[in-house]
Amino acid sequence: MPFDKSKYPENWTEFSRYIRRERAKNVCEQCKAPNGETVNRGVLDGEAFWHDQSSGVIYSAKDGLILGRARDYELTIDRETVIVLTVAHLDNDGGVCDCRAKTGMKCAIEDHVLALCQKCHLALDMPHHIANRRKTLGARNDAGRRLFSEIV
């Protein structure tokens, strides 16, 4: 998703770096995947996992708990991916951050963000993405109906 810098405070780059590197110690605060590392992702007994290729350990994609070692399972790997740590605002419905709703801007408040890998960030924002998609489709359908009624 594109990053619109105009919606973020001037110190966002420094703030984001601090959250990812210092506070989160360069790992996803949810699934514990390490920033910049190549990992395997898949599903084991119905639970999503990530597999650390160097250590052979399998971790839960939900909370980063160790599920076992790869040598003990016949793993089905869905994909290999490089972990990219991002900073996610907790501003979805029921989230702790309402700064954008109040000010029109994202904030740089530590308690309002998490350092998340791209998979965990997307999962967090999924309800927002679905709502936006519905709005977009609704607007297209409305425009199509208006165009159709002008033609007929």
C-alpha atoms as a PDB file:
ATOM      1  CA  MET A   1       0.000   0.000   0.000  1.00  0.00           C
ATOM      2  CA  PRO A   2       1.405   3.424  -0.878  1.00  0.00           C
ATOM      3  CA  PHE A   3       2.760   5.537   1.937  1.00  0.00           C
ATOM      4  CA  ASP A   4       1.291   9.069   1.949  1.00  0.00           C
ATOM      5  CA  LYS A   5       3.874  11.078   3.894  1.00  0.00           C
ATOM      6  CA  SER A   6       1.520  14.061   4.193  1.00  0.00           C
ATOM      7  CA  LYS A   7      -0.597  12.121   6.723  1.00  0.00           C
ATOM      8  CA  TYR A   8       2.321  11.523   9.093  1.00  0.00           C
ATOM      9  CA  PRO A   9       4.225  13.808  11.468  1.00  0.00           C
ATOM     10  CA  GLU A  10       7.558  15.327  10.400  1.00  0.00           C
ATOM     11  CA  ASN A  11       9.503  13.073  12.782  1.00  0.00           C
ATOM     12  CA  TRP A  12       7.925   9.889  11.390  1.00  0.00           C
ATOM     13  CA  THR A  13      11.154   8.467   9.926  1.00  0.00           C
ATOM     14  CA  GLU A  14      13.011   8.732  13.240  1.00  0.00           C
ATOM     15  CA  PHE A  15       9.985   7.568  15.241  1.00  0.00           C
ATOM     16  CA  SER A  16       9.454   4.550  12.966  1.00  0.00           C
ATOM     17  CA  ARG A  17      13.126   3.618  13.163  1.00  0.00           C
ATOM     18  CA  TYR A  18      13.031   3.850  16.976  1.00  0.00           C
ATOM     19  CA  ILE A  19       9.911   1.642  17.224  1.00  0.00           C
ATOM     20  CA  ARG A  20      11.309  -1.017  14.876  1.00  0.00           C
ATOM     21  CA  ARG A  21      14.928  -1.120  16.004  1.00  0.00           C
ATOM     22  CA  GLU A  22      14.975  -0.053  19.648  1.00  0.00           C
ATOM     23  CA  ARG A  23      11.614  -0.969  21.117  1.00  0.00           C
ATOM     24  CA  ALA A  24      10.873  -4.073  19.047  1.00  0.00           C
ATOM     25  CA  LYS A  25      14.531  -5.140  18.766  1.00  0.00           C
ATOM     26  CA  ASN A  26      14.055  -5.655  15.012  1.00  0.00           C
ATOM     27  CA  VAL A  27      11.408  -8.396  15.322  1.00  0.00           C
ATOM     28  CA  CYS A  28       7.652  -8.355  14.718  1.00  0.00           C
ATOM     29  CA  GLU A  29       5.946  -7.565  18.022  1.00  0.00           C
ATOM     30  CA  GLN A  30       3.237 -10.096  17.213  1.00  0.00           C
ATOM     31  CA  CYS A  31       4.736 -13.152  15.500  1.00  0.00           C
ATOM     32  CA  LYS A  32       8.391 -12.455  16.424  1.00  0.00           C
ATOM     33  CA  ALA A  33       9.640 -12.827  12.816  1.00  0.00           C
ATOM     34  CA  PRO A  34      13.060 -11.149  12.402  1.00  0.00           C
ATOM     35  CA  ASN A  35      13.320  -8.085  10.185  1.00  0.00           C
ATOM     36  CA  GLY A  36      15.281  -8.632   6.967  1.00  0.00           C
ATOM     37  CA  GLU A  37      15.461 -12.432   7.277  1.00  0.00           C
ATOM     38  CA  THR A  38      14.171 -14.828   4.661  1.00  0.00           C
ATOM     39  CA  VAL A  39      11.633 -17.211   6.181  1.00  0.00           C
ATOM     40  CA  ASN A  40       9.236 -19.867   4.949  1.00  0.00           C
ATOM     41  CA  ARG A  41       5.529 -19.433   5.583  1.00  0.00           C
ATOM     42  CA  GLY A  42       2.945 -22.182   5.634  1.00  0.00           C
ATOM     43  CA  VAL A  43       0.271 -23.992   7.630  1.00  0.00           C
ATOM     44  CA  LEU A  44       0.901 -26.814  10.094  1.00  0.00           C
ATOM     45  CA  ASP A  45      -2.061 -28.668  11.616  1.00  0.00           C
ATOM     46  CA  GLY A  46      -4.330 -25.761  10.690  1.00  0.00           C
ATOM     47  CA  GLU A  47      -2.082 -23.097  12.229  1.00  0.00           C
ATOM     48  CA  ALA A  48      -0.125 -20.559  10.188  1.00  0.00           C
ATOM     49  CA  PHE A  49       3.602 -20.633  10.877  1.00  0.00           C
ATOM     50  CA  TRP A  50       6.891 -19.145   9.853  1.00  0.00           C
ATOM     51  CA  HIS A  51      10.035 -21.236   9.661  1.00  0.00           C
ATOM     52  CA  ASP A  52      13.477 -19.869  10.493  1.00  0.00           C
ATOM     53  CA  GLN A  53      15.640 -21.436   7.815  1.00  0.00           C
ATOM     54  CA  SER A  54      18.907 -21.012   9.721  1.00  0.00           C
ATOM     55  CA  SER A  55      17.799 -22.611  13.004  1.00  0.00           C
ATOM     56  CA  GLY A  56      15.131 -24.960  11.660  1.00  0.00           C
ATOM     57  CA  VAL A  57      12.636 -23.758  14.299  1.00  0.00           C
ATOM     58  CA  ILE A  58       8.935 -23.368  13.436  1.00  0.00           C
ATOM     59  CA  TYR A  59       7.074 -20.446  15.049  1.00  0.00           C
ATOM     60  CA  SER A  60       3.380 -19.629  15.287  1.00  0.00           C
ATOM     61  CA  ALA A  61       2.427 -16.778  12.955  1.00  0.00           C
ATOM     62  CA  LYS A  62      -0.181 -15.754  15.536  1.00  0.00           C
ATOM     63  CA  ASP A  63       2.045 -15.095  18.547  1.00  0.00           C
ATOM     64  CA  GLY A  64       5.588 -16.241  17.788  1.00  0.00           C
ATOM     65  CA  LEU A  65       5.506 -19.249  20.128  1.00  0.00           C
ATOM     66  CA  ILE A  66       7.720 -22.162  19.129  1.00  0.00           C
ATOM     67  CA  LEU A  67       5.737 -24.960  17.482  1.00  0.00           C
ATOM     68  CA  GLY A  68       8.657 -27.337  16.977  1.00  0.00           C
ATOM     69  CA  ARG A  69      11.530 -28.068  14.653  1.00  0.00           C
ATOM     70  CA  ALA A  70      11.172 -28.496  10.910  1.00  0.00           C
ATOM     71  CA  ARG A  71      12.949 -31.878  10.955  1.00  0.00           C
ATOM     72  CA  ASP A  72      10.102 -33.308  13.068  1.00  0.00           C
ATOM     73  CA  TYR A  73       7.374 -32.509  10.508  1.00  0.00           C
ATOM     74  CA  GLU A  74       6.606 -32.866   6.859  1.00  0.00           C
ATOM     75  CA  LEU A  75       6.146 -29.192   6.152  1.00  0.00           C
ATOM     76  CA  THR A  76       4.204 -27.759   3.261  1.00  0.00           C
ATOM     77  CA  ILE A  77       5.777 -24.411   2.501  1.00  0.00           C
ATOM     78  CA  ASP A  78       3.390 -21.941   0.876  1.00  0.00           C
ATOM     79  CA  ARG A  79       6.051 -19.373   0.115  1.00  0.00           C
ATOM     80  CA  GLU A  80       9.426 -17.989   0.994  1.00  0.00           C
ATOM     81  CA  THR A  81       9.472 -14.320   1.975  1.00  0.00           C
ATOM     82  CA  VAL A  82      11.787 -11.653   3.297  1.00  0.00           C
ATOM     83  CA  ILE A  83      10.431 -10.098   6.488  1.00  0.00           C
ATOM     84  CA  VAL A  84       9.874  -6.343   6.260  1.00  0.00           C
ATOM     85  CA  LEU A  85       9.156  -4.739   9.606  1.00  0.00           C
ATOM     86  CA  THR A  86       6.631  -1.895   9.455  1.00  0.00           C
ATOM     87  CA  VAL A  87       4.988   0.369  12.020  1.00  0.00           C
ATOM     88  CA  ALA A  88       1.231  -0.174  12.279  1.00  0.00           C
ATOM     89  CA  HIS A  89      -1.179   2.301  13.839  1.00  0.00           C
ATOM     90  CA  LEU A  90      -3.766   0.820  16.184  1.00  0.00           C
ATOM     91  CA  ASP A  91      -6.468   3.066  14.742  1.00  0.00           C
ATOM     92  CA  ASN A  92      -8.939   0.519  13.418  1.00  0.00           C
ATOM     93  CA  ASP A  93     -12.334   0.019  15.049  1.00  0.00           C
ATOM     94  CA  GLY A  94     -11.748  -0.702  18.717  1.00  0.00           C
ATOM     95  CA  GLY A  95      -8.090   0.335  18.499  1.00  0.00           C
ATOM     96  CA  VAL A  96      -6.361   2.614  21.004  1.00  0.00           C
ATOM     97  CA  CYS A  97      -5.499   5.395  18.527  1.00  0.00           C
ATOM     98  CA  ASP A  98      -8.089   7.896  17.356  1.00  0.00           C
ATOM     99  CA  CYS A  99      -5.587  10.623  16.435  1.00  0.00           C
ATOM    100  CA  ARG A 100      -6.302  10.520  12.703  1.00  0.00           C
ATOM    101  CA  ALA A 101     -10.044  10.743  13.321  1.00  0.00           C
ATOM    102  CA  LYS A 102      -9.495  13.775  15.559  1.00  0.00           C
ATOM    103  CA  THR A 103      -6.731  15.585  13.660  1.00  0.00           C
ATOM    104  CA  GLY A 104      -6.613  14.096  10.168  1.00  0.00           C
ATOM    105  CA  MET A 105      -3.020  12.984  10.823  1.00  0.00           C
ATOM    106  CA  LYS A 106      -1.401   9.763  11.964  1.00  0.00           C
ATOM    107  CA  CYS A 107       0.477  10.142  15.243  1.00  0.00           C
ATOM    108  CA  ALA A 108       3.895   9.366  16.682  1.00  0.00           C
ATOM    109  CA  ILE A 109       2.734   8.097  20.067  1.00  0.00           C
ATOM    110  CA  GLU A 110       4.411   4.881  21.221  1.00  0.00           C
ATOM    111  CA  ASP A 111       1.299   3.337  22.772  1.00  0.00           C
ATOM    112  CA  HIS A 112      -0.609   3.829  19.513  1.00  0.00           C
ATOM    113  CA  VAL A 113       1.629   1.683  17.303  1.00  0.00           C
ATOM    114  CA  LEU A 114       3.163  -1.772  16.931  1.00  0.00           C
ATOM    115  CA  ALA A 115       6.175  -2.924  14.927  1.00  0.00           C
ATOM    116  CA  LEU A 116       4.698  -5.618  12.680  1.00  0.00           C
ATOM    117  CA  CYS A 117       5.894  -7.706   9.773  1.00  0.00           C
ATOM    118  CA  GLN A 118       4.028  -7.157   6.542  1.00  0.00           C
ATOM    119  CA  LYS A 119       1.784 -10.198   7.115  1.00  0.00           C
ATOM    120  CA  CYS A 120       0.709  -9.167  10.628  1.00  0.00           C
ATOM    121  CA  HIS A 121       0.232  -5.537   9.529  1.00  0.00           C
ATOM    122  CA  LEU A 122      -1.998  -6.583   6.643  1.00  0.00           C
ATOM    123  CA  ALA A 123      -4.053  -8.830   8.947  1.00  0.00           C
ATOM    124  CA  LEU A 124      -4.498  -5.940  11.399  1.00  0.00           C
ATOM    125  CA  ASP A 125      -5.626  -3.574   8.633  1.00  0.00           C
ATOM    126  CA  MET A 126      -7.769  -6.135   6.768  1.00  0.00           C
ATOM    127  CA  PRO A 127     -11.156  -4.885   8.096  1.00  0.00           C
ATOM    128  CA  HIS A 128     -10.208  -1.355   6.994  1.00  0.00           C
ATOM    129  CA  HIS A 129      -9.151  -2.599   3.542  1.00  0.00           C
ATOM    130  CA  ILE A 130     -12.415  -4.528   3.146  1.00  0.00           C
ATOM    131  CA  ALA A 131     -14.472  -1.472   4.125  1.00  0.00           C
ATOM    132  CA  ASN A 132     -12.564   0.704   1.633  1.00  0.00           C
ATOM    133  CA  ARG A 133     -13.073  -1.891  -1.090  1.00  0.00           C
ATOM    134  CA  ARG A 134     -16.821  -1.948  -0.428  1.00  0.00           C
ATOM    135  CA  LYS A 135     -16.950   1.862  -0.646  1.00  0.00           C
ATOM    136  CA  THR A 136     -15.001   1.824  -3.915  1.00  0.00           C
ATOM    137  CA  LEU A 137     -17.214  -0.852  -5.451  1.00  0.00           C
ATOM    138  CA  GLY A 138     -20.337   0.973  -4.253  1.00  0.00           C
ATOM    139  CA  ALA A 139     -19.158   4.221  -5.845  1.00  0.00           C
ATOM    140  CA  ARG A 140     -18.377   2.424  -9.112  1.00  0.00           C
ATOM    141  CA  ASN A 141     -21.788   0.750  -9.105  1.00  0.00           C
ATOM    142  CA  ASP A 142     -23.506   4.088  -8.412  1.00  0.00           C
ATOM    143  CA  ALA A 143     -21.586   5.726 -11.264  1.00  0.00           C
ATOM    144  CA  GLY A 144     -22.471   2.832 -13.553  1.00  0.00           C
ATOM    145  CA  ARG A 145     -26.157   3.096 -12.672  1.00  0.00           C
ATOM    146  CA  ARG A 146     -26.125   6.857 -13.357  1.00  0.00           C
ATOM    147  CA  LEU A 147     -24.372   6.342 -16.689  1.00  0.00           C
ATOM    148  CA  PHE A 148     -26.802   3.564 -17.635  1.00  0.00           C
ATOM    149  CA  SER A 149     -29.832   5.719 -16.755  1.00  0.00           C
ATOM    150  CA  GLU A 150     -28.466   8.569 -18.937  1.00  0.00           C
ATOM    151  CA  ILE A 151     -28.045   6.209 -21.872  1.00  0.00           C
ATOM    152  CA  VAL A 152     -31.489   4.637 -21.606  1.00  0.00           C
END
